[in-house]
Amino acid sequence: MGAKLTAEFVGTFLLVFTVGCNVLSGNAVWGGISIACVLMVAIYALGSISGANFNPAVSLALALTESAGGRGIDWKTAGTYIGVQIAAGITASLSYSLLFWDTFNLAPASGFSFWQAGICEVLYTFMLCFVVLNVAVSKDNSPNQFYGFAIGSVITAGAYGAGAVSGGCFNPAVAIGIDAASAGLGFGWCIFWTVCEFVGAAMAVGAFMAVRPGDFGKEKGMAAELISEFLGTFILVLTVGLNVLGKSHAGAYSIAASLMAMIYALGNVSGAHFNPAVTIAILASGRCPDFGPAKAGAFIASQVVGAGVAAVTYCAVHKGESFPLGPGAGFGYAAVGVAEAVFTFVLCYVVLCVAVSSTTNAPIMFGLAIGACVTAGGNAIGAISGGSLNPAVSFGIVLANLSDGGSVVPFLAYSAFELVGAVAAAGVFKVTHAVDEVGLKDVESKA
């Protein structure tokens, strides 16, 4: 146990110390990625020693999961871990304060109230614990090599959009450490933050049980897949909205990180489409015999509902603010059509190549490859069209903007462009990956 507790102390200390150094350095562009990276490397370094929780909310989620009949940790271990994590967080916060001879307080960002900050802490702690459970605990995902990257990606997803509202703790050890080191400026917000984060952890356990009933001795049905598509699309669209409204310095990568994390978490539950264009491309490719029009329609419905709920949520967090979908300054719908069709093609084609093809599938890098398409497209055509690449994203943006006088026309136009890209991807895939069908016929003939 000594080795495990030391590992938890070291990992949590490094995480909180890195948070403080980035904040006090004013690192607005790379800060979130820096924090995500230290979490990722500490997870890979210490995961096999203690499980690399480094977060009381994660330890709570693991204890709740074991109590429900899944894999996790017992309550005694969880309680001991939590005590060590909080001690490490306070030590790290005092250390960065001494290093900079400065500190910062924990509180909702200027212009936001406690409940708006609380929503962000609940939802992204939910996402963090949910991804941990799916990539590091689930029987169907064990063992794998992407767990650390997937968990670290959650921090990148939440740090920029949600961070502009709540500070982006998602971890009681971070919140308590920050509040303790800045007690001279006021103390107490860490209690509310911790409650919100524990609520997010409990929600993550419930969602984990819903999408992976096999881990609890139950059979998986269609409901698990539809919940998976809802959750993945919800997190994606929520991250889009919070990054745009928060004027994020790393919006495209933060959005891509949310997609990467949820793909790794749910890829072997529903295929992790989270995008009607991807669903149409997979259907049109004809490479998934058990994926027919009825199932595709159900997936798209779940994605659209997830996008709609996310749109309402980010609007609520930003006090009713929204943003329009449409051509950027100096561009028209012709340019938007080309941009959206080309980069939706890229996204759908890469999905087919790394997640569907038997020849070029990438069992470790698939999530990174697919997420990188969003980074590429978001930066390349963001100034032209906003870089939606996803009819569900387009729907969410338009729905949120209706109350500000927006129109449904941009959703219809963007969706048409994106579906053109999806169908084109399926057509090109059939040509470039005809070898898959040849290989399948060879196997069938031998059988």
Foldseek 3Di string as FASTA:
>chain_A
DVQQLVLLLVLLLQLLLLLFVCVVVVVQQCSLVSSLVSLLVSCVVCCVPHVSPLFLLLLLLQCVLVVLQFHHDHPVSSVSSVVSSLVSLQVSLLVNCVVSVHADAFDWAPPFHPVLLLVLLLALLLLLNLLCCQQPGDPVNPPFDCSSVLNSLSSLLSCFQSCLTGVRDLGLSNNSNRQNSVCVVPHDVSVSSVVSSNNSSVVSSVLNCLLCVVSRVDDDDLRNQLSLLLVLLLSLLLSQFSNVVSVGSQSLSSSLSSLLNSCSRCCVRHNSQLFLLLLVLVQLLCLDVVNHPVSSVSSVVSSLVSLQVSLVSSCVSVVLDADAWAFAPPEHLVQVLVLLLQLLLVLNLLSCQQPRFPVRHDPHCSSVSNSVSSSVSCVPCCRTGNRQSGLSSNSSRQSSCVVVVGDCVSSVSSVVSSNNSSNVSSVVCCVVRVVRVVVVVVVVVVD
